[in-house]
Amino acid sequence: NITDDKNFKKNIIFRDLPCENVEQLEKDSLKE
């Protein structure tokens, strides 16, 4: 929007996120 550079428009790609165990993340957070 600032530069009107089409390369940034091409870069707007939503990829699938890594499938991490959220419950494990919360356990790790509690452990920490």
PDB file of all heavy atoms in Angstrom:
ATOM      1  N   ASN A   1       0.815  -1.217   0.000  1.00  0.00           N
ATOM      2  CA  ASN A   1       0.000   0.000   0.000  1.00  0.00           C
ATOM      3  C   ASN A   1       0.846   1.263   0.000  1.00  0.00           C
ATOM      4  O   ASN A   1       0.440   2.290  -0.533  1.00  0.00           O
ATOM      5  CB  ASN A   1      -0.938  -0.001   1.213  1.00  0.00           C
ATOM      6  CG  ASN A   1      -2.186  -0.806   0.994  1.00  0.00           C
ATOM      7  OD1 ASN A   1      -3.198  -0.293   0.544  1.00  0.00           O
ATOM      8  ND2 ASN A   1      -2.125  -2.095   1.287  1.00  0.00           N
ATOM      9  N   ILE A   2       2.024   1.180   0.613  1.00  0.00           N
ATOM     10  CA  ILE A   2       2.903   2.352   0.661  1.00  0.00           C
ATOM     11  C   ILE A   2       3.645   2.550  -0.654  1.00  0.00           C
ATOM     12  O   ILE A   2       3.742   3.667  -1.171  1.00  0.00           O
ATOM     13  CB  ILE A   2       3.912   2.222   1.830  1.00  0.00           C
ATOM     14  CG1 ILE A   2       3.173   2.282   3.174  1.00  0.00           C
ATOM     15  CG2 ILE A   2       4.960   3.338   1.771  1.00  0.00           C
ATOM     16  CD1 ILE A   2       4.070   2.034   4.370  1.00  0.00           C
ATOM     17  N   THR A   3       4.169   1.455  -1.207  1.00  0.00           N
ATOM     18  CA  THR A   3       5.042   1.566  -2.380  1.00  0.00           C
ATOM     19  C   THR A   3       4.348   1.272  -3.708  1.00  0.00           C
ATOM     20  O   THR A   3       4.861   1.626  -4.771  1.00  0.00           O
ATOM     21  CB  THR A   3       6.217   0.578  -2.251  1.00  0.00           C
ATOM     22  OG1 THR A   3       5.695  -0.765  -2.239  1.00  0.00           O
ATOM     23  CG2 THR A   3       6.989   0.824  -0.971  1.00  0.00           C
ATOM     24  N   ASP A   4       3.218   0.582  -3.651  1.00  0.00           N
ATOM     25  CA  ASP A   4       2.525   0.128  -4.863  1.00  0.00           C
ATOM     26  C   ASP A   4       3.400  -0.832  -5.665  1.00  0.00           C
ATOM     27  O   ASP A   4       3.257  -0.961  -6.886  1.00  0.00           O
ATOM     28  CB  ASP A   4       2.106   1.320  -5.733  1.00  0.00           C
ATOM     29  CG  ASP A   4       0.930   0.982  -6.636  1.00  0.00           C
ATOM     30  OD1 ASP A   4       0.253  -0.024  -6.354  1.00  0.00           O
ATOM     31  OD2 ASP A   4       0.702   1.696  -7.622  1.00  0.00           O
ATOM     32  N   ASP A   5       4.320  -1.514  -4.971  1.00  0.00           N
ATOM     33  CA  ASP A   5       5.228  -2.472  -5.597  1.00  0.00           C
ATOM     34  C   ASP A   5       4.516  -3.815  -5.720  1.00  0.00           C
ATOM     35  O   ASP A   5       4.173  -4.452  -4.717  1.00  0.00           O
ATOM     36  CB  ASP A   5       6.492  -2.600  -4.741  1.00  0.00           C
ATOM     37  CG  ASP A   5       7.584  -3.407  -5.425  1.00  0.00           C
ATOM     38  OD1 ASP A   5       7.245  -4.300  -6.228  1.00  0.00           O
ATOM     39  OD2 ASP A   5       8.767  -3.145  -5.143  1.00  0.00           O
ATOM     40  N   LYS A   6       4.311  -4.286  -6.935  1.00  0.00           N
ATOM     41  CA  LYS A   6       3.551  -5.511  -7.181  1.00  0.00           C
ATOM     42  C   LYS A   6       4.231  -6.744  -6.597  1.00  0.00           C
ATOM     43  O   LYS A   6       3.587  -7.770  -6.382  1.00  0.00           O
ATOM     44  CB  LYS A   6       3.335  -5.700  -8.690  1.00  0.00           C
ATOM     45  CG  LYS A   6       2.558  -4.579  -9.353  1.00  0.00           C
ATOM     46  CD  LYS A   6       1.164  -4.454  -8.785  1.00  0.00           C
ATOM     47  CE  LYS A   6       0.315  -3.466  -9.588  1.00  0.00           C
ATOM     48  NZ  LYS A   6       0.827  -2.086  -9.517  1.00  0.00           N
ATOM     49  N   ASN A   7       5.541  -6.670  -6.349  1.00  0.00           N
ATOM     50  CA  ASN A   7       6.246  -7.804  -5.756  1.00  0.00           C
ATOM     51  C   ASN A   7       5.712  -8.110  -4.356  1.00  0.00           C
ATOM     52  O   ASN A   7       5.687  -9.265  -3.932  1.00  0.00           O
ATOM     53  CB  ASN A   7       7.743  -7.513  -5.687  1.00  0.00           C
ATOM     54  CG  ASN A   7       8.404  -7.572  -7.051  1.00  0.00           C
ATOM     55  OD1 ASN A   7       8.443  -8.620  -7.679  1.00  0.00           O
ATOM     56  ND2 ASN A   7       8.886  -6.435  -7.521  1.00  0.00           N
ATOM     57  N   PHE A   8       5.299  -7.069  -3.650  1.00  0.00           N
ATOM     58  CA  PHE A   8       4.726  -7.296  -2.328  1.00  0.00           C
ATOM     59  C   PHE A   8       3.342  -7.930  -2.444  1.00  0.00           C
ATOM     60  O   PHE A   8       2.942  -8.728  -1.600  1.00  0.00           O
ATOM     61  CB  PHE A   8       4.647  -5.985  -1.541  1.00  0.00           C
ATOM     62  CG  PHE A   8       5.983  -5.512  -1.045  1.00  0.00           C
ATOM     63  CD1 PHE A   8       6.534  -4.337  -1.514  1.00  0.00           C
ATOM     64  CD2 PHE A   8       6.700  -6.251  -0.117  1.00  0.00           C
ATOM     65  CE1 PHE A   8       7.773  -3.902  -1.064  1.00  0.00           C
ATOM     66  CE2 PHE A   8       7.939  -5.827   0.334  1.00  0.00           C
ATOM     67  CZ  PHE A   8       8.473  -4.650  -0.149  1.00  0.00           C
ATOM     68  N   LYS A   9       2.620  -7.550  -3.490  1.00  0.00           N
ATOM     69  CA  LYS A   9       1.299  -8.145  -3.724  1.00  0.00           C
ATOM     70  C   LYS A   9       1.432  -9.653  -3.939  1.00  0.00           C
ATOM     71  O   LYS A   9       0.642 -10.448  -3.421  1.00  0.00           O
ATOM     72  CB  LYS A   9       0.658  -7.500  -4.959  1.00  0.00           C
ATOM     73  CG  LYS A   9      -0.811  -7.849  -5.160  1.00  0.00           C
ATOM     74  CD  LYS A   9      -1.700  -7.206  -4.119  1.00  0.00           C
ATOM     75  CE  LYS A   9      -3.168  -7.397  -4.433  1.00  0.00           C
ATOM     76  NZ  LYS A   9      -4.058  -6.799  -3.438  1.00  0.00           N
ATOM     77  N   LYS A  10       2.471 -10.045  -4.682  1.00  0.00           N
ATOM     78  CA  LYS A  10       2.716 -11.475  -4.922  1.00  0.00           C
ATOM     79  C   LYS A  10       3.125 -12.189  -3.629  1.00  0.00           C
ATOM     80  O   LYS A  10       2.962 -13.401  -3.492  1.00  0.00           O
ATOM     81  CB  LYS A  10       3.822 -11.649  -5.962  1.00  0.00           C
ATOM     82  CG  LYS A  10       3.486 -11.097  -7.338  1.00  0.00           C
ATOM     83  CD  LYS A  10       4.699 -11.233  -8.265  1.00  0.00           C
ATOM     84  CE  LYS A  10       4.437 -10.607  -9.629  1.00  0.00           C
ATOM     85  NZ  LYS A  10       5.637 -10.666 -10.504  1.00  0.00           N
ATOM     86  N   ASN A  11       3.670 -11.430  -2.722  1.00  0.00           N
ATOM     87  CA  ASN A  11       4.205 -12.008  -1.493  1.00  0.00           C
ATOM     88  C   ASN A  11       3.132 -12.255  -0.437  1.00  0.00           C
ATOM     89  O   ASN A  11       3.407 -12.837   0.603  1.00  0.00           O
ATOM     90  CB  ASN A  11       5.283 -11.075  -0.909  1.00  0.00           C
ATOM     91  CG  ASN A  11       6.219 -11.797   0.034  1.00  0.00           C
ATOM     92  OD1 ASN A  11       6.548 -12.950  -0.178  1.00  0.00           O
ATOM     93  ND2 ASN A  11       6.633 -11.119   1.094  1.00  0.00           N
ATOM     94  N   ILE A  12       1.911 -11.789  -0.704  1.00  0.00           N
ATOM     95  CA  ILE A  12       0.826 -11.946   0.264  1.00  0.00           C
ATOM     96  C   ILE A  12       0.231 -13.342   0.086  1.00  0.00           C
ATOM     97  O   ILE A  12      -0.774 -13.547  -0.584  1.00  0.00           O
ATOM     98  CB  ILE A  12      -0.251 -10.855   0.094  1.00  0.00           C
ATOM     99  CG1 ILE A  12       0.390  -9.466   0.204  1.00  0.00           C
ATOM    100  CG2 ILE A  12      -1.332 -11.005   1.150  1.00  0.00           C
ATOM    101  CD1 ILE A  12      -0.539  -8.322  -0.147  1.00  0.00           C
ATOM    102  N   ILE A  13       0.908 -14.317   0.657  1.00  0.00           N
ATOM    103  CA  ILE A  13       0.510 -15.716   0.540  1.00  0.00           C
ATOM    104  C   ILE A  13       0.317 -16.289   1.936  1.00  0.00           C
ATOM    105  O   ILE A  13       1.185 -16.157   2.799  1.00  0.00           O
ATOM    106  CB  ILE A  13       1.585 -16.541  -0.207  1.00  0.00           C
ATOM    107  CG1 ILE A  13       1.833 -15.955  -1.608  1.00  0.00           C
ATOM    108  CG2 ILE A  13       1.172 -17.997  -0.305  1.00  0.00           C
ATOM    109  CD1 ILE A  13       2.996 -16.598  -2.331  1.00  0.00           C
ATOM    110  N   PHE A  14      -0.823 -16.914   2.142  1.00  0.00           N
ATOM    111  CA  PHE A  14      -1.112 -17.522   3.433  1.00  0.00           C
ATOM    112  C   PHE A  14      -0.830 -19.018   3.347  1.00  0.00           C
ATOM    113  O   PHE A  14      -1.495 -19.755   2.640  1.00  0.00           O
ATOM    114  CB  PHE A  14      -2.567 -17.268   3.831  1.00  0.00           C
ATOM    115  CG  PHE A  14      -2.857 -15.826   4.101  1.00  0.00           C
ATOM    116  CD1 PHE A  14      -3.157 -14.962   3.059  1.00  0.00           C
ATOM    117  CD2 PHE A  14      -2.804 -15.329   5.383  1.00  0.00           C
ATOM    118  CE1 PHE A  14      -3.410 -13.620   3.303  1.00  0.00           C
ATOM    119  CE2 PHE A  14      -3.056 -13.994   5.642  1.00  0.00           C
ATOM    120  CZ  PHE A  14      -3.357 -13.136   4.597  1.00  0.00           C
ATOM    121  N   ARG A  15       0.193 -19.433   4.063  1.00  0.00           N
ATOM    122  CA  ARG A  15       0.594 -20.838   4.026  1.00  0.00           C
ATOM    123  C   ARG A  15       0.060 -21.564   5.250  1.00  0.00           C
ATOM    124  O   ARG A  15      -0.202 -20.964   6.285  1.00  0.00           O
ATOM    125  CB  ARG A  15       2.123 -20.953   3.991  1.00  0.00           C
ATOM    126  CG  ARG A  15       2.769 -20.257   2.804  1.00  0.00           C
ATOM    127  CD  ARG A  15       4.284 -20.385   2.863  1.00  0.00           C
ATOM    128  NE  ARG A  15       4.929 -19.820   1.694  1.00  0.00           N
ATOM    129  CZ  ARG A  15       5.268 -18.546   1.585  1.00  0.00           C
ATOM    130  NH1 ARG A  15       4.994 -17.704   2.568  1.00  0.00           N
ATOM    131  NH2 ARG A  15       5.872 -18.098   0.497  1.00  0.00           N
ATOM    132  N   ASP A  16      -0.066 -22.882   5.108  1.00  0.00           N
ATOM    133  CA  ASP A  16      -0.447 -23.690   6.257  1.00  0.00           C
ATOM    134  C   ASP A  16       0.665 -23.637   7.294  1.00  0.00           C
ATOM    135  O   ASP A  16       1.849 -23.761   6.963  1.00  0.00           O
ATOM    136  CB  ASP A  16      -0.676 -25.149   5.837  1.00  0.00           C
ATOM    137  CG  ASP A  16      -1.910 -25.292   4.956  1.00  0.00           C
ATOM    138  OD1 ASP A  16      -2.797 -24.430   5.059  1.00  0.00           O
ATOM    139  OD2 ASP A  16      -1.971 -26.258   4.171  1.00  0.00           O
ATOM    140  N   LEU A  17       0.279 -23.468   8.539  1.00  0.00           N
ATOM    141  CA  LEU A  17       1.263 -23.378   9.613  1.00  0.00           C
ATOM    142  C   LEU A  17       1.724 -24.763  10.040  1.00  0.00           C
ATOM    143  O   LEU A  17       1.004 -25.748   9.867  1.00  0.00           O
ATOM    144  CB  LEU A  17       0.654 -22.656  10.819  1.00  0.00           C
ATOM    145  CG  LEU A  17       0.288 -21.192  10.594  1.00  0.00           C
ATOM    146  CD1 LEU A  17      -0.359 -20.643  11.840  1.00  0.00           C
ATOM    147  CD2 LEU A  17       1.513 -20.374  10.246  1.00  0.00           C
ATOM    148  N   PRO A  18       2.923 -24.855  10.604  1.00  0.00           N
ATOM    149  CA  PRO A  18       3.374 -26.146  11.126  1.00  0.00           C
ATOM    150  C   PRO A  18       2.377 -26.670  12.149  1.00  0.00           C
ATOM    151  O   PRO A  18       1.844 -25.906  12.952  1.00  0.00           O
ATOM    152  CB  PRO A  18       4.722 -25.803  11.791  1.00  0.00           C
ATOM    153  CG  PRO A  18       5.150 -24.531  11.153  1.00  0.00           C
ATOM    154  CD  PRO A  18       3.893 -23.788  10.808  1.00  0.00           C
ATOM    155  N   CYS A  19       2.112 -27.940  12.120  1.00  0.00           N
ATOM    156  CA  CYS A  19       1.146 -28.540  13.042  1.00  0.00           C
ATOM    157  C   CYS A  19       1.861 -28.906  14.336  1.00  0.00           C
ATOM    158  O   CYS A  19       2.428 -29.990  14.468  1.00  0.00           O
ATOM    159  CB  CYS A  19       0.487 -29.763  12.419  1.00  0.00           C
ATOM    160  SG  CYS A  19      -0.793 -30.483  13.464  1.00  0.00           S
ATOM    161  N   GLU A  20       1.860 -27.990  15.275  1.00  0.00           N
ATOM    162  CA  GLU A  20       2.499 -28.234  16.565  1.00  0.00           C
ATOM    163  C   GLU A  20       1.438 -28.635  17.593  1.00  0.00           C
ATOM    164  O   GLU A  20       0.260 -28.329  17.450  1.00  0.00           O
ATOM    165  CB  GLU A  20       3.226 -26.958  17.045  1.00  0.00           C
ATOM    166  CG  GLU A  20       4.381 -26.553  16.168  1.00  0.00           C
ATOM    167  CD  GLU A  20       5.591 -27.441  16.343  1.00  0.00           C
ATOM    168  OE1 GLU A  20       5.717 -28.077  17.402  1.00  0.00           O
ATOM    169  OE2 GLU A  20       6.408 -27.504  15.414  1.00  0.00           O
ATOM    170  N   ASN A  21       1.852 -29.326  18.610  1.00  0.00           N
ATOM    171  CA  ASN A  21       0.958 -29.710  19.684  1.00  0.00           C
ATOM    172  C   ASN A  21       0.791 -28.522  20.622  1.00  0.00           C
ATOM    173  O   ASN A  21       1.681 -28.210  21.417  1.00  0.00           O
ATOM    174  CB  ASN A  21       1.552 -30.912  20.446  1.00  0.00           C
ATOM    175  CG  ASN A  21       0.574 -31.490  21.440  1.00  0.00           C
ATOM    176  OD1 ASN A  21      -0.229 -30.775  22.019  1.00  0.00           O
ATOM    177  ND2 ASN A  21       0.651 -32.799  21.627  1.00  0.00           N
ATOM    178  N   VAL A  22      -0.389 -27.871  20.547  1.00  0.00           N
ATOM    179  CA  VAL A  22      -0.625 -26.675  21.353  1.00  0.00           C
ATOM    180  C   VAL A  22      -0.632 -27.009  22.832  1.00  0.00           C
ATOM    181  O   VAL A  22      -0.130 -26.255  23.668  1.00  0.00           O
ATOM    182  CB  VAL A  22      -1.973 -26.017  20.949  1.00  0.00           C
ATOM    183  CG1 VAL A  22      -2.257 -24.816  21.833  1.00  0.00           C
ATOM    184  CG2 VAL A  22      -1.931 -25.600  19.495  1.00  0.00           C
ATOM    185  N   GLU A  23      -1.188 -28.193  23.160  1.00  0.00           N
ATOM    186  CA  GLU A  23      -1.209 -28.607  24.564  1.00  0.00           C
ATOM    187  C   GLU A  23       0.207 -28.751  25.098  1.00  0.00           C
ATOM    188  O   GLU A  23       0.500 -28.359  26.230  1.00  0.00           O
ATOM    189  CB  GLU A  23      -1.957 -29.933  24.700  1.00  0.00           C
ATOM    190  CG  GLU A  23      -2.091 -30.413  26.150  1.00  0.00           C
ATOM    191  CD  GLU A  23      -2.855 -31.712  26.255  1.00  0.00           C
ATOM    192  OE1 GLU A  23      -3.445 -32.128  25.239  1.00  0.00           O
ATOM    193  OE2 GLU A  23      -2.844 -32.308  27.353  1.00  0.00           O
ATOM    194  N   GLN A  24       1.109 -29.262  24.258  1.00  0.00           N
ATOM    195  CA  GLN A  24       2.506 -29.408  24.658  1.00  0.00           C
ATOM    196  C   GLN A  24       3.158 -28.040  24.836  1.00  0.00           C
ATOM    197  O   GLN A  24       3.969 -27.838  25.743  1.00  0.00           O
ATOM    198  CB  GLN A  24       3.279 -30.223  23.619  1.00  0.00           C
ATOM    199  CG  GLN A  24       4.716 -30.527  24.019  1.00  0.00           C
ATOM    200  CD  GLN A  24       4.811 -31.323  25.301  1.00  0.00           C
ATOM    201  OE1 GLN A  24       4.066 -32.280  25.499  1.00  0.00           O
ATOM    202  NE2 GLN A  24       5.717 -30.930  26.190  1.00  0.00           N
ATOM    203  N   LEU A  25       2.788 -27.082  23.939  1.00  0.00           N
ATOM    204  CA  LEU A  25       3.316 -25.731  24.067  1.00  0.00           C
ATOM    205  C   LEU A  25       2.926 -25.116  25.406  1.00  0.00           C
ATOM    206  O   LEU A  25       3.719 -24.460  26.074  1.00  0.00           O
ATOM    207  CB  LEU A  25       2.798 -24.852  22.922  1.00  0.00           C
ATOM    208  CG  LEU A  25       3.421 -25.065  21.547  1.00  0.00           C
ATOM    209  CD1 LEU A  25       2.690 -24.215  20.514  1.00  0.00           C
ATOM    210  CD2 LEU A  25       4.897 -24.729  21.557  1.00  0.00           C
ATOM    211  N   GLU A  26       1.654 -25.338  25.798  1.00  0.00           N
ATOM    212  CA  GLU A  26       1.182 -24.785  27.064  1.00  0.00           C
ATOM    213  C   GLU A  26       1.892 -25.456  28.238  1.00  0.00           C
ATOM    214  O   GLU A  26       2.221 -24.808  29.233  1.00  0.00           O
ATOM    215  CB  GLU A  26      -0.331 -24.964  27.164  1.00  0.00           C
ATOM    216  CG  GLU A  26      -1.107 -24.106  26.164  1.00  0.00           C
ATOM    217  CD  GLU A  26      -2.600 -24.344  26.224  1.00  0.00           C
ATOM    218  OE1 GLU A  26      -3.012 -25.346  26.864  1.00  0.00           O
ATOM    219  OE2 GLU A  26      -3.345 -23.536  25.647  1.00  0.00           O
ATOM    220  N   LYS A  27       2.151 -26.778  28.112  1.00  0.00           N
ATOM    221  CA  LYS A  27       2.886 -27.488  29.160  1.00  0.00           C
ATOM    222  C   LYS A  27       4.310 -26.959  29.267  1.00  0.00           C
ATOM    223  O   LYS A  27       4.831 -26.767  30.358  1.00  0.00           O
ATOM    224  CB  LYS A  27       2.906 -28.982  28.860  1.00  0.00           C
ATOM    225  CG  LYS A  27       1.568 -29.682  29.084  1.00  0.00           C
ATOM    226  CD  LYS A  27       1.678 -31.167  28.788  1.00  0.00           C
ATOM    227  CE  LYS A  27       0.351 -31.868  29.009  1.00  0.00           C
ATOM    228  NZ  LYS A  27       0.428 -33.314  28.691  1.00  0.00           N
ATOM    229  N   ASP A  28       4.930 -26.721  28.106  1.00  0.00           N
ATOM    230  CA  ASP A  28       6.298 -26.184  28.093  1.00  0.00           C
ATOM    231  C   ASP A  28       6.337 -24.799  28.724  1.00  0.00           C
ATOM    232  O   ASP A  28       7.286 -24.458  29.442  1.00  0.00           O
ATOM    233  CB  ASP A  28       6.826 -26.116  26.658  1.00  0.00           C
ATOM    234  CG  ASP A  28       7.093 -27.499  26.074  1.00  0.00           C
ATOM    235  OD1 ASP A  28       7.170 -28.465  26.857  1.00  0.00           O
ATOM    236  OD2 ASP A  28       7.197 -27.600  24.836  1.00  0.00           O
ATOM    237  N   SER A  29       5.294 -24.005  28.431  1.00  0.00           N
ATOM    238  CA  SER A  29       5.216 -22.654  28.998  1.00  0.00           C
ATOM    239  C   SER A  29       5.091 -22.721  30.513  1.00  0.00           C
ATOM    240  O   SER A  29       5.742 -21.966  31.247  1.00  0.00           O
ATOM    241  CB  SER A  29       4.026 -21.902  28.400  1.00  0.00           C
ATOM    242  OG  SER A  29       3.927 -20.611  28.953  1.00  0.00           O
ATOM    243  N   LEU A  30       4.235 -23.645  30.999  1.00  0.00           N
ATOM    244  CA  LEU A  30       4.056 -23.813  32.436  1.00  0.00           C
ATOM    245  C   LEU A  30       5.346 -24.296  33.089  1.00  0.00           C
ATOM    246  O   LEU A  30       5.739 -23.817  34.159  1.00  0.00           O
ATOM    247  CB  LEU A  30       2.923 -24.800  32.704  1.00  0.00           C
ATOM    248  CG  LEU A  30       2.620 -25.123  34.180  1.00  0.00           C
ATOM    249  CD1 LEU A  30       2.225 -23.857  34.922  1.00  0.00           C
ATOM    250  CD2 LEU A  30       1.521 -26.172  34.278  1.00  0.00           C
ATOM    251  N   LYS A  31       6.006 -25.247  32.420  1.00  0.00           N
ATOM    252  CA  LYS A  31       7.272 -25.777  32.924  1.00  0.00           C
ATOM    253  C   LYS A  31       8.310 -24.666  33.046  1.00  0.00           C
ATOM    254  O   LYS A  31       9.021 -24.568  34.048  1.00  0.00           O
ATOM    255  CB  LYS A  31       7.771 -26.876  31.983  1.00  0.00           C
ATOM    256  CG  LYS A  31       9.107 -27.482  32.387  1.00  0.00           C
ATOM    257  CD  LYS A  31       9.530 -28.541  31.382  1.00  0.00           C
ATOM    258  CE  LYS A  31      10.910 -29.097  31.700  1.00  0.00           C
ATOM    259  NZ  LYS A  31      11.348 -30.103  30.703  1.00  0.00           N
ATOM    260  N   GLU A  32       8.385 -23.831  32.003  1.00  0.00           N
ATOM    261  CA  GLU A  32       9.347 -22.726  32.008  1.00  0.00           C
ATOM    262  C   GLU A  32       9.041 -21.747  33.134  1.00  0.00           C
ATOM    263  O   GLU A  32       9.942 -21.244  33.811  1.00  0.00           O
ATOM    264  CB  GLU A  32       9.298 -22.005  30.656  1.00  0.00           C
ATOM    265  CG  GLU A  32      10.365 -20.950  30.486  1.00  0.00           C
ATOM    266  CD  GLU A  32      10.371 -20.346  29.092  1.00  0.00           C
ATOM    267  OE1 GLU A  32       9.766 -20.947  28.183  1.00  0.00           O
ATOM    268  OE2 GLU A  32      10.969 -19.275  28.925  1.00  0.00           O
TER     269      GLU A  32
END
